[in-house]
Amino acid sequence: MSSRISGSSSTTRMGPVGSDMKSVLTLPPTKCSILLIALACSNASEMEKSATTPVGLPGISQEIAQFESALSRAKKEPAKSLLLCNSLEDSQLESDCVLAVAPHLAKSDRQAASAACKKIESVDDCFFRLAEATKDSALCAQAGEYEIDCRLHVFSFSISDWLEKDATPETLLDKAPTHIKEAGLKSTDSRVWTALWRWRIGAKTPLDRSICAFLDPIQKDHCHLAGEGLFHDRLNHFRDKGAALCQGKLPPALQTTADPGLDAILKMRRAQDLCDPNARHAPPPTPIPGQSR
């Protein structure tokens, strides 16, 4: 607007003097109205554009596009994807990008992935993800406050690497201490045994807790609780998928052997939430809880 006023003043100063000046400055009323309306509309248009067009929008759009490109290429080209992450100017986008890409890169270049994690704010979360992706519990040492949870996750994911689906309880108890120690965990941690029995019980269908019967009292409790937790999780999984669980026979993946304890859980859950469509949550991922990886 200032340039427009400046231009008008300049024209006036260059005009004739005396009586002629009046003729230059005096315009017919109609023309004055048209001119004022034109100027007002023009200024309003400029102000409207300024108000509705966020500053830096093209830059943000480009950053988001670059972020999405990095994620789409992460699995096949993790190194190139990481370069895209590192060139992002928005710190939050860069951090989220590295969190998503680094675990893929860790499978081929653990050193580069670790270096990338150290440069972002969410360093603990990043190393947690690297450890999960590589099944290397040693990386959990850099997961900060999440270290123990990280070790438990990696341990749980790795059980299928050393324990057969049909392993006897005796075999499980014999092999477990070595792998618990390698994971940096303690045999006195009940969560370790819950994870082990949960995996063993969940390795086959129908869900069968009969293997718990001949264990010593402590392990028997771990085994029974693992089976209960697994059954609850599977019920939640199918409930959120919209399966009909309110009455009648359960889907094949939810079948159990004769087990009064699990029958009682089913009866309780049907009274609480399985018959309530409003109790459903976001659709779960495809894997059924307890399935071997």
Protein backbone atom coordinates (compact mmCIF):
# COMPACT_ATOMS: atom_id res chain seq x y z
CA MET A 1 0.00 0.00 0.00
CA SER A 2 2.86 2.40 0.79
CA SER A 3 4.31 2.01 -2.68
CA ARG A 4 0.99 2.89 -4.18
CA ILE A 5 0.76 6.12 -2.11
CA SER A 6 4.35 7.00 -2.91
CA GLY A 7 3.72 6.62 -6.62
CA SER A 8 0.65 8.87 -6.46
CA SER A 9 2.59 11.57 -4.62
CA SER A 10 5.40 11.46 -7.10
CA THR A 11 2.96 12.01 -9.96
CA THR A 12 1.41 14.97 -8.17
CA ARG A 13 4.75 16.63 -7.59
CA MET A 14 5.58 16.38 -11.29
CA GLY A 15 2.26 17.97 -12.37
CA PRO A 16 1.72 21.67 -13.42
CA VAL A 17 1.42 24.49 -10.89
CA GLY A 18 -1.13 27.27 -10.36
CA SER A 19 -4.67 26.87 -11.75
CA ASP A 20 -3.75 23.74 -13.64
CA MET A 21 -2.89 21.99 -10.35
CA LYS A 22 -6.54 22.14 -9.34
CA SER A 23 -7.65 20.41 -12.50
CA VAL A 24 -5.17 17.62 -11.95
CA LEU A 25 -6.12 17.02 -8.32
CA THR A 26 -9.85 17.41 -8.82
CA LEU A 27 -11.53 14.33 -10.31
CA PRO A 28 -15.22 13.78 -11.06
CA PRO A 29 -17.01 12.14 -8.04
CA THR A 30 -17.75 8.95 -9.98
CA LYS A 31 -14.13 8.46 -10.93
CA CYS A 32 -13.09 9.14 -7.31
CA SER A 33 -15.45 6.43 -6.06
CA ILE A 34 -14.21 3.94 -8.61
CA LEU A 35 -10.60 4.69 -7.75
CA LEU A 36 -11.15 4.41 -4.00
CA ILE A 37 -13.05 1.15 -4.37
CA ALA A 38 -10.30 -0.26 -6.60
CA LEU A 39 -7.63 0.71 -4.08
CA ALA A 40 -9.67 -0.70 -1.18
CA CYS A 41 -10.29 -4.01 -2.96
CA SER A 42 -6.67 -4.30 -3.97
CA ASN A 43 -5.46 -3.68 -0.42
CA ALA A 44 -8.08 -6.05 1.00
CA SER A 45 -6.98 -8.72 -1.45
CA GLU A 46 -3.36 -8.33 -0.39
CA MET A 47 -4.31 -8.48 3.29
CA GLU A 48 -6.48 -11.54 2.71
CA LYS A 49 -3.63 -13.37 1.00
CA SER A 50 -1.33 -12.45 3.85
CA ALA A 51 -3.79 -13.66 6.45
CA THR A 52 -4.69 -16.98 4.80
CA THR A 53 -1.27 -18.06 3.57
CA PRO A 54 0.87 -19.36 6.48
CA VAL A 55 4.43 -18.15 6.41
CA GLY A 56 6.81 -20.93 5.40
CA LEU A 57 4.13 -23.38 4.28
CA PRO A 58 6.02 -24.44 1.16
CA GLY A 59 9.03 -25.26 3.36
CA ILE A 60 6.97 -27.31 5.78
CA SER A 61 5.31 -29.20 2.95
CA GLN A 62 8.71 -30.01 1.50
CA GLU A 63 9.95 -31.22 4.90
CA ILE A 64 6.95 -33.53 5.30
CA ALA A 65 7.40 -34.88 1.79
CA GLN A 66 11.06 -35.56 2.53
CA PHE A 67 10.13 -37.24 5.82
CA GLU A 68 7.62 -39.51 4.07
CA SER A 69 10.13 -40.33 1.36
CA ALA A 70 12.68 -41.39 3.98
CA LEU A 71 10.18 -43.70 5.66
CA SER A 72 9.02 -45.27 2.42
CA ARG A 73 12.60 -46.15 1.45
CA ALA A 74 13.79 -47.14 4.94
CA LYS A 75 13.50 -50.88 4.54
CA LYS A 76 15.32 -51.17 1.20
CA GLU A 77 17.62 -48.14 1.40
CA PRO A 78 18.13 -47.33 5.08
CA ALA A 79 21.42 -45.48 4.58
CA LYS A 80 19.95 -43.12 1.98
CA SER A 81 16.85 -42.68 4.11
CA LEU A 82 18.98 -41.65 7.07
CA LEU A 83 20.64 -38.97 4.95
CA LEU A 84 17.18 -37.59 4.20
CA CYS A 85 16.40 -37.62 7.92
CA ASN A 86 19.59 -35.76 8.79
CA SER A 87 18.89 -33.02 6.25
CA LEU A 88 15.50 -32.17 7.78
CA GLU A 89 15.49 -28.74 9.40
CA ASP A 90 12.57 -29.41 11.75
CA SER A 91 14.08 -31.08 14.83
CA GLN A 92 10.95 -33.03 15.74
CA LEU A 93 10.56 -34.40 12.22
CA GLU A 94 14.24 -35.33 12.16
CA SER A 95 13.92 -37.16 15.49
CA ASP A 96 10.81 -39.08 14.39
CA CYS A 97 12.50 -39.90 11.10
CA VAL A 98 15.61 -41.31 12.78
CA LEU A 99 13.47 -43.34 15.20
CA ALA A 100 11.77 -45.00 12.23
CA VAL A 101 14.80 -45.47 9.99
CA ALA A 102 17.61 -46.35 12.40
CA PRO A 103 16.23 -49.81 13.32
CA HIS A 104 16.31 -50.81 9.64
CA LEU A 105 19.83 -49.50 9.25
CA ALA A 106 20.99 -51.32 12.39
CA LYS A 107 20.55 -54.66 10.65
CA SER A 108 23.33 -53.81 8.18
CA ASP A 109 25.29 -50.99 9.88
CA ARG A 110 24.83 -50.98 13.63
CA GLN A 111 27.55 -48.38 14.17
CA ALA A 112 25.90 -45.82 11.88
CA ALA A 113 22.50 -46.49 13.42
CA SER A 114 23.89 -46.01 16.92
CA ALA A 115 25.57 -42.77 15.91
CA ALA A 116 22.27 -41.50 14.51
CA CYS A 117 20.45 -42.32 17.75
CA LYS A 118 22.96 -40.36 19.82
CA LYS A 119 22.20 -37.16 17.88
CA ILE A 120 18.49 -36.94 18.70
CA GLU A 121 16.63 -36.12 21.91
CA SER A 122 14.84 -39.48 22.10
CA VAL A 123 18.10 -41.38 22.42
CA ASP A 124 16.75 -43.89 24.98
CA ASP A 125 13.77 -44.80 22.83
CA CYS A 126 16.00 -45.03 19.78
CA PHE A 127 18.37 -47.58 21.34
CA PHE A 128 15.37 -49.53 22.62
CA ARG A 129 14.22 -49.85 19.01
CA LEU A 130 17.69 -50.80 17.77
CA ALA A 131 17.87 -53.57 20.36
CA GLU A 132 14.46 -54.92 19.33
CA ALA A 133 15.33 -54.83 15.65
CA THR A 134 18.63 -56.65 16.08
CA LYS A 135 17.69 -58.80 19.10
CA ASP A 136 20.88 -57.53 20.71
CA SER A 137 20.25 -56.92 24.40
CA ALA A 138 23.67 -55.27 24.75
CA LEU A 139 22.18 -52.19 23.07
CA CYS A 140 19.71 -51.94 25.95
CA ALA A 141 22.53 -50.60 28.12
CA GLN A 142 22.07 -47.29 26.27
CA ALA A 143 18.28 -47.27 26.60
CA GLY A 144 18.44 -45.27 29.84
CA GLU A 145 15.33 -45.62 32.00
CA TYR A 146 13.96 -48.21 29.57
CA GLU A 147 16.89 -50.59 29.96
CA ILE A 148 15.15 -53.38 31.88
CA ASP A 149 12.00 -53.20 29.75
CA CYS A 150 14.25 -53.28 26.71
CA ARG A 151 16.04 -56.39 27.92
CA LEU A 152 12.74 -58.09 28.67
CA HIS A 153 11.44 -57.26 25.18
CA VAL A 154 14.55 -58.57 23.45
CA PHE A 155 14.53 -61.69 25.63
CA SER A 156 10.87 -62.36 24.79
CA PHE A 157 11.46 -61.89 21.06
CA SER A 158 14.45 -64.24 21.14
CA ILE A 159 12.85 -67.21 22.91
CA SER A 160 11.82 -68.81 19.63
CA ASP A 161 15.49 -68.80 18.55
CA TRP A 162 16.50 -71.33 21.20
CA LEU A 163 13.34 -73.03 22.46
CA GLU A 164 11.25 -75.45 20.40
CA LYS A 165 7.47 -75.04 20.30
CA ASP A 166 6.95 -78.49 21.79
CA ALA A 167 9.76 -78.23 24.35
CA THR A 168 9.02 -80.03 27.59
CA PRO A 169 8.89 -78.00 30.81
CA GLU A 170 12.11 -79.75 31.86
CA THR A 171 13.89 -78.59 28.70
CA LEU A 172 12.67 -75.04 29.20
CA LEU A 173 13.86 -74.96 32.81
CA ASP A 174 17.22 -76.43 31.81
CA LYS A 175 17.96 -74.00 28.96
CA ALA A 176 16.47 -70.82 30.37
CA PRO A 177 19.14 -69.74 32.93
CA THR A 178 21.87 -69.37 30.30
CA HIS A 179 19.75 -67.19 28.05
CA ILE A 180 18.40 -65.16 30.96
CA LYS A 181 21.96 -64.33 31.97
CA GLU A 182 22.97 -63.48 28.39
CA ALA A 183 20.07 -61.04 28.21
CA GLY A 184 21.38 -59.21 31.27
CA LEU A 185 18.40 -60.26 33.38
CA LYS A 186 18.01 -62.11 36.68
CA SER A 187 16.42 -65.50 37.22
CA THR A 188 14.66 -64.06 40.24
CA ASP A 189 12.65 -61.68 38.04
CA SER A 190 9.15 -63.15 37.74
CA ARG A 191 8.62 -61.28 34.45
CA VAL A 192 11.27 -63.44 32.80
CA TRP A 193 9.44 -66.65 33.67
CA THR A 194 6.08 -65.17 32.74
CA ALA A 195 7.49 -64.40 29.29
CA LEU A 196 8.87 -67.94 28.97
CA TRP A 197 5.69 -69.76 29.99
CA ARG A 198 3.57 -67.36 27.97
CA TRP A 199 5.59 -68.18 24.85
CA ARG A 200 5.50 -71.92 25.54
CA ILE A 201 1.75 -72.02 26.21
CA GLY A 202 0.98 -69.71 23.30
CA ALA A 203 3.08 -71.66 20.81
CA LYS A 204 0.18 -73.98 20.05
CA THR A 205 -3.60 -73.98 19.95
CA PRO A 206 -5.76 -74.72 21.75
CA LEU A 207 -4.31 -72.84 24.72
CA ASP A 208 -3.26 -75.52 27.18
CA ARG A 209 -2.10 -74.89 30.75
CA SER A 210 -1.86 -78.56 31.66
CA ILE A 211 1.95 -78.37 31.42
CA CYS A 212 1.88 -76.19 34.55
CA ALA A 213 0.52 -78.98 36.75
CA PHE A 214 3.82 -80.77 37.45
CA LEU A 215 5.98 -77.72 38.14
CA ASP A 216 7.22 -76.64 41.55
CA PRO A 217 4.86 -74.20 43.34
CA ILE A 218 6.69 -71.02 42.26
CA GLN A 219 6.98 -71.98 38.59
CA LYS A 220 3.44 -73.32 38.64
CA ASP A 221 2.20 -69.88 39.67
CA HIS A 222 4.26 -68.22 36.93
CA CYS A 223 2.91 -70.67 34.38
CA HIS A 224 -0.74 -70.27 35.41
CA LEU A 225 -0.53 -66.47 35.48
CA ALA A 226 1.16 -66.44 32.07
CA GLY A 227 -1.70 -68.48 30.63
CA GLU A 228 -4.31 -66.21 32.19
CA GLY A 229 -2.63 -63.07 30.86
CA LEU A 230 -2.34 -64.60 27.42
CA PHE A 231 -6.01 -65.55 27.37
CA HIS A 232 -7.04 -62.03 28.40
CA ASP A 233 -4.86 -60.51 25.68
CA ARG A 234 -6.31 -62.78 23.03
CA LEU A 235 -9.85 -61.97 24.09
CA ASN A 236 -8.99 -58.27 23.84
CA HIS A 237 -7.48 -58.81 20.41
CA PHE A 238 -10.58 -60.48 18.97
CA ARG A 239 -12.95 -58.13 20.78
CA ASP A 240 -11.28 -55.15 19.12
CA LYS A 241 -11.48 -56.89 15.75
CA GLY A 242 -15.23 -57.08 16.20
CA ALA A 243 -15.46 -60.85 16.64
CA ALA A 244 -18.63 -62.29 18.15
CA LEU A 245 -17.53 -63.34 21.63
CA CYS A 246 -20.69 -62.68 23.64
CA GLN A 247 -22.01 -66.21 23.53
CA GLY A 248 -21.50 -69.59 21.97
CA LYS A 249 -18.27 -71.16 20.81
CA LEU A 250 -15.14 -69.03 20.58
CA PRO A 251 -13.11 -68.67 17.35
CA PRO A 252 -10.51 -71.44 16.79
CA ALA A 253 -7.60 -69.22 17.83
CA LEU A 254 -9.26 -68.68 21.21
CA GLN A 255 -10.00 -72.31 21.95
CA THR A 256 -8.65 -73.80 25.18
CA THR A 257 -8.38 -77.26 26.61
CA ALA A 258 -10.61 -78.10 29.57
CA ASP A 259 -9.66 -75.45 32.11
CA PRO A 260 -12.08 -74.26 34.82
CA GLY A 261 -9.88 -71.23 35.52
CA LEU A 262 -10.03 -69.98 31.93
CA ASP A 263 -13.75 -70.80 31.74
CA ALA A 264 -14.27 -68.52 34.75
CA ILE A 265 -12.31 -65.74 33.04
CA LEU A 266 -14.47 -66.04 29.92
CA LYS A 267 -17.67 -65.85 32.00
CA MET A 268 -16.37 -62.78 33.83
CA ARG A 269 -15.27 -61.03 30.64
CA ARG A 270 -18.63 -61.65 28.97
CA ALA A 271 -20.28 -59.92 31.91
CA GLN A 272 -17.80 -57.05 31.79
CA ASP A 273 -17.04 -56.12 28.20
CA LEU A 274 -17.21 -58.86 25.58
CA CYS A 275 -20.93 -58.26 25.07
CA ASP A 276 -20.52 -54.47 24.98
CA PRO A 277 -19.77 -53.12 21.46
CA ASN A 278 -18.74 -49.80 23.03
CA ALA A 279 -15.86 -51.53 24.81
CA ARG A 280 -13.92 -52.03 21.58
CA HIS A 281 -10.70 -50.13 21.06
CA ALA A 282 -8.64 -49.39 17.96
CA PRO A 283 -8.26 -52.43 15.67
CA PRO A 284 -5.18 -54.43 16.75
CA PRO A 285 -2.26 -55.43 14.55
CA THR A 286 -2.52 -58.73 12.72
CA PRO A 287 -0.35 -60.99 14.97
CA ILE A 288 -2.29 -62.78 17.69
CA PRO A 289 -0.81 -62.28 21.19
CA GLY A 290 1.43 -65.16 22.14
CA GLN A 291 2.25 -66.25 18.60
CA SER A 292 5.90 -67.13 18.09
CA ARG A 293 7.85 -64.59 16.05
